[in-house]
Amino acid sequence: PVSRTVFAALGRESRRARFLAFEAGSEGSIGIARVALASAGASTFTSDDSLSRAAVSPPPPFAGTAAFDHGPGREKSWTGSLAVSFLGEPRVPLAGSPFQALLARSW
């Protein structure tokens, strides 16, 4: 089986923060894709001007929080209890290992 989970947050420049989780996988020869979307007030996604720290606390179907920290050099961490509930797949973790994190001003 193949599996991939992605989480994205957008919002620093608007009054609303938007959150997306996507999970793709397979069971045998069947491909499965799950998507979750939410929006909330801008305070649910915060970051500093230097893009070295950020925090998210999205609304349902998400649960928990996560924090991004860009340490010295290339060290980055993405930690917390953040999870999402997809149809047929409750409480999928979205932070910690094995996630890689990136914080940017635009895509």
PDB file of N, CA and C in Angstrom:
ATOM      1  N   PRO A   1       0.819  -1.204   0.000  1.00  0.00           N
ATOM      2  CA  PRO A   1       0.000   0.000   0.000  1.00  0.00           C
ATOM      3  C   PRO A   1       0.860   1.265   0.000  1.00  0.00           C
ATOM      4  N   VAL A   2       0.360   2.282  -0.667  1.00  0.00           N
ATOM      5  CA  VAL A   2       1.018   3.577  -0.729  1.00  0.00           C
ATOM      6  C   VAL A   2       0.192   4.554   0.088  1.00  0.00           C
ATOM      7  N   SER A   3       0.855   5.481   0.809  1.00  0.00           N
ATOM      8  CA  SER A   3       0.112   6.423   1.635  1.00  0.00           C
ATOM      9  C   SER A   3       0.848   7.757   1.706  1.00  0.00           C
ATOM     10  N   ARG A   4       0.080   8.848   1.734  1.00  0.00           N
ATOM     11  CA  ARG A   4       0.663  10.192   1.866  1.00  0.00           C
ATOM     12  C   ARG A   4      -0.368  11.085   2.540  1.00  0.00           C
ATOM     13  N   THR A   5       0.067  11.846   3.539  1.00  0.00           N
ATOM     14  CA  THR A   5      -0.810  12.782   4.231  1.00  0.00           C
ATOM     15  C   THR A   5      -0.176  14.166   4.203  1.00  0.00           C
ATOM     16  N   VAL A   6      -0.980  15.171   3.863  1.00  0.00           N
ATOM     17  CA  VAL A   6      -0.495  16.550   3.749  1.00  0.00           C
ATOM     18  C   VAL A   6      -1.424  17.466   4.541  1.00  0.00           C
ATOM     19  N   PHE A   7      -0.850  18.450   5.226  1.00  0.00           N
ATOM     20  CA  PHE A   7      -1.617  19.476   5.917  1.00  0.00           C
ATOM     21  C   PHE A   7      -1.110  20.830   5.459  1.00  0.00           C
ATOM     22  N   ALA A   8      -2.009  21.775   5.188  1.00  0.00           N
ATOM     23  CA  ALA A   8      -1.628  23.130   4.801  1.00  0.00           C
ATOM     24  C   ALA A   8      -2.511  24.136   5.520  1.00  0.00           C
ATOM     25  N   ALA A   9      -1.926  25.269   5.873  1.00  0.00           N
ATOM     26  CA  ALA A   9      -2.655  26.372   6.492  1.00  0.00           C
ATOM     27  C   ALA A   9      -2.303  27.649   5.742  1.00  0.00           C
ATOM     28  N   LEU A  10      -3.291  28.492   5.523  1.00  0.00           N
ATOM     29  CA  LEU A  10      -3.102  29.750   4.805  1.00  0.00           C
ATOM     30  C   LEU A  10      -3.882  30.822   5.534  1.00  0.00           C
ATOM     31  N   GLY A  11      -3.273  31.993   5.733  1.00  0.00           N
ATOM     32  CA  GLY A  11      -4.098  32.988   6.365  1.00  0.00           C
ATOM     33  C   GLY A  11      -3.470  34.253   6.855  1.00  0.00           C
ATOM     34  N   ARG A  12      -2.220  34.391   6.903  1.00  0.00           N
ATOM     35  CA  ARG A  12      -1.602  35.553   7.521  1.00  0.00           C
ATOM     36  C   ARG A  12      -2.080  36.881   6.942  1.00  0.00           C
ATOM     37  N   GLU A  13      -2.391  36.949   5.682  1.00  0.00           N
ATOM     38  CA  GLU A  13      -2.754  38.207   5.035  1.00  0.00           C
ATOM     39  C   GLU A  13      -4.268  38.471   4.993  1.00  0.00           C
ATOM     40  N   SER A  14      -5.079  37.588   5.497  1.00  0.00           N
ATOM     41  CA  SER A  14      -6.528  37.786   5.418  1.00  0.00           C
ATOM     42  C   SER A  14      -7.157  37.729   6.810  1.00  0.00           C
ATOM     43  N   ARG A  15      -8.442  37.983   6.867  1.00  0.00           N
ATOM     44  CA  ARG A  15      -9.160  37.916   8.144  1.00  0.00           C
ATOM     45  C   ARG A  15      -9.516  36.492   8.527  1.00  0.00           C
ATOM     46  N   ARG A  16      -9.388  35.567   7.595  1.00  0.00           N
ATOM     47  CA  ARG A  16      -9.729  34.168   7.845  1.00  0.00           C
ATOM     48  C   ARG A  16      -8.505  33.297   7.624  1.00  0.00           C
ATOM     49  N   ALA A  17      -8.375  32.277   8.410  1.00  0.00           N
ATOM     50  CA  ALA A  17      -7.353  31.252   8.193  1.00  0.00           C
ATOM     51  C   ALA A  17      -8.043  30.062   7.539  1.00  0.00           C
ATOM     52  N   ARG A  18      -7.377  29.447   6.610  1.00  0.00           N
ATOM     53  CA  ARG A  18      -7.931  28.285   5.919  1.00  0.00           C
ATOM     54  C   ARG A  18      -7.010  27.092   6.150  1.00  0.00           C
ATOM     55  N   PHE A  19      -7.632  25.930   6.329  1.00  0.00           N
ATOM     56  CA  PHE A  19      -6.893  24.713   6.640  1.00  0.00           C
ATOM     57  C   PHE A  19      -7.322  23.601   5.691  1.00  0.00           C
ATOM     58  N   LEU A  20      -6.357  22.812   5.264  1.00  0.00           N
ATOM     59  CA  LEU A  20      -6.612  21.702   4.345  1.00  0.00           C
ATOM     60  C   LEU A  20      -5.806  20.496   4.792  1.00  0.00           C
ATOM     61  N   ALA A  21      -6.445  19.354   4.809  1.00  0.00           N
ATOM     62  CA  ALA A  21      -5.739  18.086   5.018  1.00  0.00           C
ATOM     63  C   ALA A  21      -6.118  17.165   3.873  1.00  0.00           C
ATOM     64  N   PHE A  22      -5.145  16.446   3.379  1.00  0.00           N
ATOM     65  CA  PHE A  22      -5.348  15.535   2.257  1.00  0.00           C
ATOM     66  C   PHE A  22      -4.614  14.243   2.562  1.00  0.00           C
ATOM     67  N   GLU A  23      -5.295  13.145   2.370  1.00  0.00           N
ATOM     68  CA  GLU A  23      -4.680  11.834   2.559  1.00  0.00           C
ATOM     69  C   GLU A  23      -4.955  10.998   1.317  1.00  0.00           C
ATOM     70  N   ALA A  24      -3.913  10.450   0.754  1.00  0.00           N
ATOM     71  CA  ALA A  24      -4.051   9.559  -0.397  1.00  0.00           C
ATOM     72  C   ALA A  24      -3.420   8.229  -0.030  1.00  0.00           C
ATOM     73  N   GLY A  25      -4.071   7.175  -0.419  1.00  0.00           N
ATOM     74  CA  GLY A  25      -3.553   5.851  -0.127  1.00  0.00           C
ATOM     75  C   GLY A  25      -4.137   4.833  -1.068  1.00  0.00           C
ATOM     76  N   SER A  26      -3.782   3.608  -0.839  1.00  0.00           N
ATOM     77  CA  SER A  26      -4.328   2.538  -1.656  1.00  0.00           C
ATOM     78  C   SER A  26      -4.556   1.306  -0.794  1.00  0.00           C
ATOM     79  N   GLU A  27      -5.537   0.560  -1.208  1.00  0.00           N
ATOM     80  CA  GLU A  27      -5.808  -0.748  -0.621  1.00  0.00           C
ATOM     81  C   GLU A  27      -5.955  -1.692  -1.784  1.00  0.00           C
ATOM     82  N   GLY A  28      -4.933  -2.514  -1.969  1.00  0.00           N
ATOM     83  CA  GLY A  28      -4.917  -3.357  -3.156  1.00  0.00           C
ATOM     84  C   GLY A  28      -4.815  -2.479  -4.385  1.00  0.00           C
ATOM     85  N   SER A  29      -5.675  -2.690  -5.341  1.00  0.00           N
ATOM     86  CA  SER A  29      -5.633  -1.907  -6.574  1.00  0.00           C
ATOM     87  C   SER A  29      -6.580  -0.699  -6.531  1.00  0.00           C
ATOM     88  N   ILE A  30      -7.149  -0.427  -5.363  1.00  0.00           N
ATOM     89  CA  ILE A  30      -8.089   0.678  -5.207  1.00  0.00           C
ATOM     90  C   ILE A  30      -7.370   1.891  -4.610  1.00  0.00           C
ATOM     91  N   GLY A  31      -7.484   3.043  -5.268  1.00  0.00           N
ATOM     92  CA  GLY A  31      -6.938   4.286  -4.737  1.00  0.00           C
ATOM     93  C   GLY A  31      -7.980   4.986  -3.885  1.00  0.00           C
ATOM     94  N   ILE A  32      -7.544   5.554  -2.773  1.00  0.00           N
ATOM     95  CA  ILE A  32      -8.447   6.246  -1.851  1.00  0.00           C
ATOM     96  C   ILE A  32      -7.884   7.636  -1.585  1.00  0.00           C
ATOM     97  N   ALA A  33      -8.727   8.663  -1.730  1.00  0.00           N
ATOM     98  CA  ALA A  33      -8.340  10.034  -1.422  1.00  0.00           C
ATOM     99  C   ALA A  33      -9.349  10.618  -0.450  1.00  0.00           C
ATOM    100  N   ARG A  34      -8.854  11.254   0.598  1.00  0.00           N
ATOM    101  CA  ARG A  34      -9.713  11.906   1.581  1.00  0.00           C
ATOM    102  C   ARG A  34      -9.272  13.361   1.716  1.00  0.00           C
ATOM    103  N   VAL A  35     -10.242  14.271   1.848  1.00  0.00           N
ATOM    104  CA  VAL A  35      -9.950  15.700   1.963  1.00  0.00           C
ATOM    105  C   VAL A  35     -10.782  16.283   3.096  1.00  0.00           C
ATOM    106  N   ALA A  36     -10.179  17.165   3.866  1.00  0.00           N
ATOM    107  CA  ALA A  36     -10.887  17.911   4.905  1.00  0.00           C
ATOM    108  C   ALA A  36     -10.512  19.381   4.773  1.00  0.00           C
ATOM    109  N   LEU A  37     -11.511  20.254   4.851  1.00  0.00           N
ATOM    110  CA  LEU A  37     -11.310  21.695   4.741  1.00  0.00           C
ATOM    111  C   LEU A  37     -11.992  22.400   5.899  1.00  0.00           C
ATOM    112  N   ALA A  38     -11.424  23.509   6.337  1.00  0.00           N
ATOM    113  CA  ALA A  38     -12.064  24.327   7.364  1.00  0.00           C
ATOM    114  C   ALA A  38     -11.525  25.747   7.261  1.00  0.00           C
ATOM    115  N   SER A  39     -12.318  26.691   7.746  1.00  0.00           N
ATOM    116  CA  SER A  39     -11.833  28.066   7.865  1.00  0.00           C
ATOM    117  C   SER A  39     -12.268  28.601   9.221  1.00  0.00           C
ATOM    118  N   ALA A  40     -11.504  29.555   9.721  1.00  0.00           N
ATOM    119  CA  ALA A  40     -11.779  30.120  11.043  1.00  0.00           C
ATOM    120  C   ALA A  40     -11.137  31.501  11.116  1.00  0.00           C
ATOM    121  N   GLY A  41     -11.302  32.163  12.229  1.00  0.00           N
ATOM    122  CA  GLY A  41     -10.708  33.476  12.419  1.00  0.00           C
ATOM    123  C   GLY A  41      -9.192  33.436  12.289  1.00  0.00           C
ATOM    124  N   ALA A  42      -8.619  34.581  11.951  1.00  0.00           N
ATOM    125  CA  ALA A  42      -7.179  34.674  11.711  1.00  0.00           C
ATOM    126  C   ALA A  42      -6.350  34.240  12.915  1.00  0.00           C
ATOM    127  N   SER A  43      -6.872  34.345  14.115  1.00  0.00           N
ATOM    128  CA  SER A  43      -6.106  33.987  15.314  1.00  0.00           C
ATOM    129  C   SER A  43      -5.822  32.491  15.417  1.00  0.00           C
ATOM    130  N   THR A  44      -6.464  31.673  14.583  1.00  0.00           N
ATOM    131  CA  THR A  44      -6.232  30.223  14.623  1.00  0.00           C
ATOM    132  C   THR A  44      -4.964  29.814  13.865  1.00  0.00           C
ATOM    133  N   PHE A  45      -4.321  30.789  13.192  1.00  0.00           N
ATOM    134  CA  PHE A  45      -3.031  30.560  12.520  1.00  0.00           C
ATOM    135  C   PHE A  45      -2.172  31.798  12.744  1.00  0.00           C
ATOM    136  N   THR A  46      -1.162  31.688  13.583  1.00  0.00           N
ATOM    137  CA  THR A  46      -0.295  32.818  13.873  1.00  0.00           C
ATOM    138  C   THR A  46       1.139  32.482  13.503  1.00  0.00           C
ATOM    139  N   SER A  47       1.891  33.520  13.120  1.00  0.00           N
ATOM    140  CA  SER A  47       3.320  33.343  12.845  1.00  0.00           C
ATOM    141  C   SER A  47       4.033  34.653  13.115  1.00  0.00           C
ATOM    142  N   ASP A  48       5.338  34.567  13.343  1.00  0.00           N
ATOM    143  CA  ASP A  48       6.107  35.788  13.548  1.00  0.00           C
ATOM    144  C   ASP A  48       6.592  36.327  12.200  1.00  0.00           C
ATOM    145  N   ASP A  49       7.041  37.572  12.183  1.00  0.00           N
ATOM    146  CA  ASP A  49       7.456  38.211  10.934  1.00  0.00           C
ATOM    147  C   ASP A  49       8.671  37.553  10.294  1.00  0.00           C
ATOM    148  N   SER A  50       9.527  36.937  11.094  1.00  0.00           N
ATOM    149  CA  SER A  50      10.728  36.303  10.542  1.00  0.00           C
ATOM    150  C   SER A  50      10.462  34.893  10.013  1.00  0.00           C
ATOM    151  N   LEU A  51       9.227  34.417  10.142  1.00  0.00           N
ATOM    152  CA  LEU A  51       8.828  33.063   9.715  1.00  0.00           C
ATOM    153  C   LEU A  51       9.637  31.971  10.416  1.00  0.00           C
ATOM    154  N   SER A  52       9.985  32.228  11.669  1.00  0.00           N
ATOM    155  CA  SER A  52      10.701  31.202  12.420  1.00  0.00           C
ATOM    156  C   SER A  52       9.799  30.447  13.395  1.00  0.00           C
ATOM    157  N   ARG A  53       8.593  30.982  13.636  1.00  0.00           N
ATOM    158  CA  ARG A  53       7.643  30.316  14.530  1.00  0.00           C
ATOM    159  C   ARG A  53       6.229  30.497  14.017  1.00  0.00           C
ATOM    160  N   ALA A  54       5.412  29.478  14.224  1.00  0.00           N
ATOM    161  CA  ALA A  54       3.993  29.549  13.869  1.00  0.00           C
ATOM    162  C   ALA A  54       3.215  28.586  14.749  1.00  0.00           C
ATOM    163  N   ALA A  55       1.920  28.839  14.863  1.00  0.00           N
ATOM    164  CA  ALA A  55       1.045  27.950  15.624  1.00  0.00           C
ATOM    165  C   ALA A  55      -0.310  27.885  14.933  1.00  0.00           C
ATOM    166  N   VAL A  56      -0.921  26.712  14.948  1.00  0.00           N
ATOM    167  CA  VAL A  56      -2.250  26.515  14.384  1.00  0.00           C
ATOM    168  C   VAL A  56      -3.155  25.843  15.405  1.00  0.00           C
ATOM    169  N   SER A  57      -4.420  26.228  15.360  1.00  0.00           N
ATOM    170  CA  SER A  57      -5.454  25.597  16.193  1.00  0.00           C
ATOM    171  C   SER A  57      -6.755  25.608  15.392  1.00  0.00           C
ATOM    172  N   PRO A  58      -6.826  24.784  14.343  1.00  0.00           N
ATOM    173  CA  PRO A  58      -7.991  24.814  13.449  1.00  0.00           C
ATOM    174  C   PRO A  58      -9.246  24.208  14.086  1.00  0.00           C
ATOM    175  N   PRO A  59     -10.414  24.584  13.534  1.00  0.00           N
ATOM    176  CA  PRO A  59     -11.691  24.069  14.041  1.00  0.00           C
ATOM    177  C   PRO A  59     -11.976  22.668  13.486  1.00  0.00           C
ATOM    178  N   PRO A  60     -13.046  22.013  13.965  1.00  0.00           N
ATOM    179  CA  PRO A  60     -13.426  20.707  13.415  1.00  0.00           C
ATOM    180  C   PRO A  60     -13.612  20.769  11.907  1.00  0.00           C
ATOM    181  N   PRO A  61     -13.247  19.718  11.211  1.00  0.00           N
ATOM    182  CA  PRO A  61     -12.974  18.359  11.644  1.00  0.00           C
ATOM    183  C   PRO A  61     -11.565  18.134  12.182  1.00  0.00           C
ATOM    184  N   PHE A  62     -10.820  19.235  12.412  1.00  0.00           N
ATOM    185  CA  PHE A  62      -9.491  19.130  13.013  1.00  0.00           C
ATOM    186  C   PHE A  62      -9.637  19.154  14.524  1.00  0.00           C
ATOM    187  N   ALA A  63      -8.621  18.647  15.208  1.00  0.00           N
ATOM    188  CA  ALA A  63      -8.596  18.668  16.666  1.00  0.00           C
ATOM    189  C   ALA A  63      -7.151  18.887  17.108  1.00  0.00           C
ATOM    190  N   GLY A  64      -6.978  19.570  18.221  1.00  0.00           N
ATOM    191  CA  GLY A  64      -5.641  19.784  18.755  1.00  0.00           C
ATOM    192  C   GLY A  64      -4.958  20.993  18.151  1.00  0.00           C
ATOM    193  N   THR A  65      -3.673  21.116  18.450  1.00  0.00           N
ATOM    194  CA  THR A  65      -2.868  22.237  17.995  1.00  0.00           C
ATOM    195  C   THR A  65      -1.514  21.725  17.516  1.00  0.00           C
ATOM    196  N   ALA A  66      -0.802  22.587  16.781  1.00  0.00           N
ATOM    197  CA  ALA A  66       0.561  22.251  16.360  1.00  0.00           C
ATOM    198  C   ALA A  66       1.386  23.528  16.312  1.00  0.00           C
ATOM    199  N   ALA A  67       2.691  23.373  16.480  1.00  0.00           N
ATOM    200  CA  ALA A  67       3.599  24.516  16.463  1.00  0.00           C
ATOM    201  C   ALA A  67       4.791  24.212  15.568  1.00  0.00           C
ATOM    202  N   PHE A  68       5.187  25.234  14.814  1.00  0.00           N
ATOM    203  CA  PHE A  68       6.362  25.169  13.951  1.00  0.00           C
ATOM    204  C   PHE A  68       7.457  26.011  14.591  1.00  0.00           C
ATOM    205  N   ASP A  69       8.680  25.486  14.597  1.00  0.00           N
ATOM    206  CA  ASP A  69       9.816  26.231  15.122  1.00  0.00           C
ATOM    207  C   ASP A  69      11.009  25.990  14.211  1.00  0.00           C
ATOM    208  N   HIS A  70      11.553  27.082  13.671  1.00  0.00           N
ATOM    209  CA  HIS A  70      12.752  26.992  12.831  1.00  0.00           C
ATOM    210  C   HIS A  70      13.925  27.339  13.726  1.00  0.00           C
ATOM    211  N   GLY A  71      14.668  26.323  14.122  1.00  0.00           N
ATOM    212  CA  GLY A  71      15.814  26.525  14.995  1.00  0.00           C
ATOM    213  C   GLY A  71      17.033  26.980  14.211  1.00  0.00           C
ATOM    214  N   PRO A  72      18.214  26.811  14.790  1.00  0.00           N
ATOM    215  CA  PRO A  72      19.443  27.227  14.109  1.00  0.00           C
ATOM    216  C   PRO A  72      19.707  26.384  12.856  1.00  0.00           C
ATOM    217  N   GLY A  73      20.295  27.026  11.864  1.00  0.00           N
ATOM    218  CA  GLY A  73      20.622  26.304  10.628  1.00  0.00           C
ATOM    219  C   GLY A  73      19.381  25.793   9.938  1.00  0.00           C
ATOM    220  N   ARG A  74      19.394  24.516   9.617  1.00  0.00           N
ATOM    221  CA  ARG A  74      18.262  23.904   8.922  1.00  0.00           C
ATOM    222  C   ARG A  74      17.309  23.157   9.851  1.00  0.00           C
ATOM    223  N   GLU A  75      17.529  23.267  11.145  1.00  0.00           N
ATOM    224  CA  GLU A  75      16.679  22.557  12.105  1.00  0.00           C
ATOM    225  C   GLU A  75      15.268  23.128  12.104  1.00  0.00           C
ATOM    226  N   LYS A  76      14.279  22.251  11.951  1.00  0.00           N
ATOM    227  CA  LYS A  76      12.876  22.635  11.994  1.00  0.00           C
ATOM    228  C   LYS A  76      12.117  21.602  12.805  1.00  0.00           C
ATOM    229  N   SER A  77      11.099  22.045  13.504  1.00  0.00           N
ATOM    230  CA  SER A  77      10.233  21.088  14.199  1.00  0.00           C
ATOM    231  C   SER A  77       8.780  21.435  13.934  1.00  0.00           C
ATOM    232  N   TRP A  78       7.959  20.417  13.894  1.00  0.00           N
ATOM    233  CA  TRP A  78       6.511  20.532  13.711  1.00  0.00           C
ATOM    234  C   TRP A  78       5.904  19.576  14.719  1.00  0.00           C
ATOM    235  N   THR A  79       5.477  20.109  15.861  1.00  0.00           N
ATOM    236  CA  THR A  79       5.046  19.266  16.968  1.00  0.00           C
ATOM    237  C   THR A  79       3.648  19.641  17.432  1.00  0.00           C
ATOM    238  N   GLY A  80       3.029  18.718  18.125  1.00  0.00           N
ATOM    239  CA  GLY A  80       1.729  18.998  18.720  1.00  0.00           C
ATOM    240  C   GLY A  80       0.782  17.827  18.620  1.00  0.00           C
ATOM    241  N   SER A  81      -0.458  18.096  18.991  1.00  0.00           N
ATOM    242  CA  SER A  81      -1.493  17.061  19.025  1.00  0.00           C
ATOM    243  C   SER A  81      -2.431  17.140  17.823  1.00  0.00           C
ATOM    244  N   LEU A  82      -2.103  17.954  16.826  1.00  0.00           N
ATOM    245  CA  LEU A  82      -2.991  18.179  15.692  1.00  0.00           C
ATOM    246  C   LEU A  82      -3.357  16.877  14.987  1.00  0.00           C
ATOM    247  N   ALA A  83      -4.652  16.717  14.731  1.00  0.00           N
ATOM    248  CA  ALA A  83      -5.170  15.531  14.031  1.00  0.00           C
ATOM    249  C   ALA A  83      -6.406  15.956  13.246  1.00  0.00           C
ATOM    250  N   VAL A  84      -6.812  15.111  12.318  1.00  0.00           N
ATOM    251  CA  VAL A  84      -8.017  15.362  11.539  1.00  0.00           C
ATOM    252  C   VAL A  84      -8.827  14.071  11.469  1.00  0.00           C
ATOM    253  N   SER A  85     -10.137  14.216  11.400  1.00  0.00           N
ATOM    254  CA  SER A  85     -11.005  13.055  11.222  1.00  0.00           C
ATOM    255  C   SER A  85     -11.592  13.092   9.819  1.00  0.00           C
ATOM    256  N   PHE A  86     -11.198  12.120   9.025  1.00  0.00           N
ATOM    257  CA  PHE A  86     -11.753  11.936   7.689  1.00  0.00           C
ATOM    258  C   PHE A  86     -12.888  10.927   7.789  1.00  0.00           C
ATOM    259  N   LEU A  87     -13.760  10.918   6.809  1.00  0.00           N
ATOM    260  CA  LEU A  87     -14.790   9.893   6.728  1.00  0.00           C
ATOM    261  C   LEU A  87     -14.090   8.534   6.627  1.00  0.00           C
ATOM    262  N   GLY A  88     -14.361   7.662   7.544  1.00  0.00           N
ATOM    263  CA  GLY A  88     -13.761   6.328   7.542  1.00  0.00           C
ATOM    264  C   GLY A  88     -12.354   6.271   8.103  1.00  0.00           C
ATOM    265  N   GLU A  89     -11.821   7.390   8.589  1.00  0.00           N
ATOM    266  CA  GLU A  89     -10.454   7.424   9.116  1.00  0.00           C
ATOM    267  C   GLU A  89     -10.365   8.491  10.216  1.00  0.00           C
ATOM    268  N   PRO A  90     -10.789   8.148  11.442  1.00  0.00           N
ATOM    269  CA  PRO A  90     -10.800   9.144  12.514  1.00  0.00           C
ATOM    270  C   PRO A  90      -9.410   9.397  13.106  1.00  0.00           C
ATOM    271  N   ARG A  91      -9.195  10.638  13.556  1.00  0.00           N
ATOM    272  CA  ARG A  91      -8.002  11.044  14.317  1.00  0.00           C
ATOM    273  C   ARG A  91      -6.676  10.697  13.624  1.00  0.00           C
ATOM    274  N   VAL A  92      -6.516  11.134  12.396  1.00  0.00           N
ATOM    275  CA  VAL A  92      -5.260  10.953  11.662  1.00  0.00           C
ATOM    276  C   VAL A  92      -4.278  12.026  12.133  1.00  0.00           C
ATOM    277  N   PRO A  93      -3.107  11.653  12.664  1.00  0.00           N
ATOM    278  CA  PRO A  93      -2.136  12.639  13.139  1.00  0.00           C
ATOM    279  C   PRO A  93      -1.634  13.524  11.998  1.00  0.00           C
ATOM    280  N   LEU A  94      -1.407  14.817  12.311  1.00  0.00           N
ATOM    281  CA  LEU A  94      -0.909  15.772  11.319  1.00  0.00           C
ATOM    282  C   LEU A  94       0.339  16.513  11.796  1.00  0.00           C
ATOM    283  N   ALA A  95       0.929  16.096  12.899  1.00  0.00           N
ATOM    284  CA  ALA A  95       2.133  16.749  13.412  1.00  0.00           C
ATOM    285  C   ALA A  95       3.076  15.690  13.975  1.00  0.00           C
ATOM    286  N   GLY A  96       4.308  16.081  14.157  1.00  0.00           N
ATOM    287  CA  GLY A  96       5.318  15.159  14.679  1.00  0.00           C
ATOM    288  C   GLY A  96       5.969  14.390  13.551  1.00  0.00           C
ATOM    289  N   SER A  97       6.674  13.353  13.917  1.00  0.00           N
ATOM    290  CA  SER A  97       7.351  12.507  12.933  1.00  0.00           C
ATOM    291  C   SER A  97       6.295  11.678  12.214  1.00  0.00           C
ATOM    292  N   PRO A  98       6.349  11.515  10.938  1.00  0.00           N
ATOM    293  CA  PRO A  98       7.384  11.787   9.939  1.00  0.00           C
ATOM    294  C   PRO A  98       7.142  13.054   9.127  1.00  0.00           C
ATOM    295  N   PHE A  99       6.339  14.006   9.621  1.00  0.00           N
ATOM    296  CA  PHE A  99       6.014  15.194   8.844  1.00  0.00           C
ATOM    297  C   PHE A  99       7.209  16.115   8.675  1.00  0.00           C
ATOM    298  N   GLN A 100       7.312  16.712   7.500  1.00  0.00           N
ATOM    299  CA  GLN A 100       8.299  17.764   7.242  1.00  0.00           C
ATOM    300  C   GLN A 100       7.522  19.062   7.134  1.00  0.00           C
ATOM    301  N   ALA A 101       8.054  20.146   7.690  1.00  0.00           N
ATOM    302  CA  ALA A 101       7.321  21.409   7.734  1.00  0.00           C
ATOM    303  C   ALA A 101       8.032  22.502   6.940  1.00  0.00           C
ATOM    304  N   LEU A 102       7.223  23.404   6.398  1.00  0.00           N
ATOM    305  CA  LEU A 102       7.701  24.554   5.668  1.00  0.00           C
ATOM    306  C   LEU A 102       6.787  25.723   5.988  1.00  0.00           C
ATOM    307  N   LEU A 103       7.359  26.876   6.279  1.00  0.00           N
ATOM    308  CA  LEU A 103       6.590  28.084   6.536  1.00  0.00           C
ATOM    309  C   LEU A 103       7.045  29.119   5.516  1.00  0.00           C
ATOM    310  N   ALA A 104       6.103  29.639   4.720  1.00  0.00           N
ATOM    311  CA  ALA A 104       6.448  30.568   3.651  1.00  0.00           C
ATOM    312  C   ALA A 104       5.412  31.677   3.553  1.00  0.00           C
ATOM    313  N   ARG A 105       5.790  32.798   2.941  1.00  0.00           N
ATOM    314  CA  ARG A 105       4.861  33.902   2.746  1.00  0.00           C
ATOM    315  C   ARG A 105       3.870  33.625   1.633  1.00  0.00           C
ATOM    316  N   SER A 106       4.253  32.863   0.631  1.00  0.00           N
ATOM    317  CA  SER A 106       3.347  32.515  -0.470  1.00  0.00           C
ATOM    318  C   SER A 106       3.792  31.195  -1.076  1.00  0.00           C
ATOM    319  N   TRP A 107       2.957  30.634  -1.912  1.00  0.00           N
ATOM    320  CA  TRP A 107       3.253  29.331  -2.532  1.00  0.00           C
ATOM    321  C   TRP A 107       4.057  29.505  -3.771  1.00  0.00           C
TER     322      TRP A 107
END
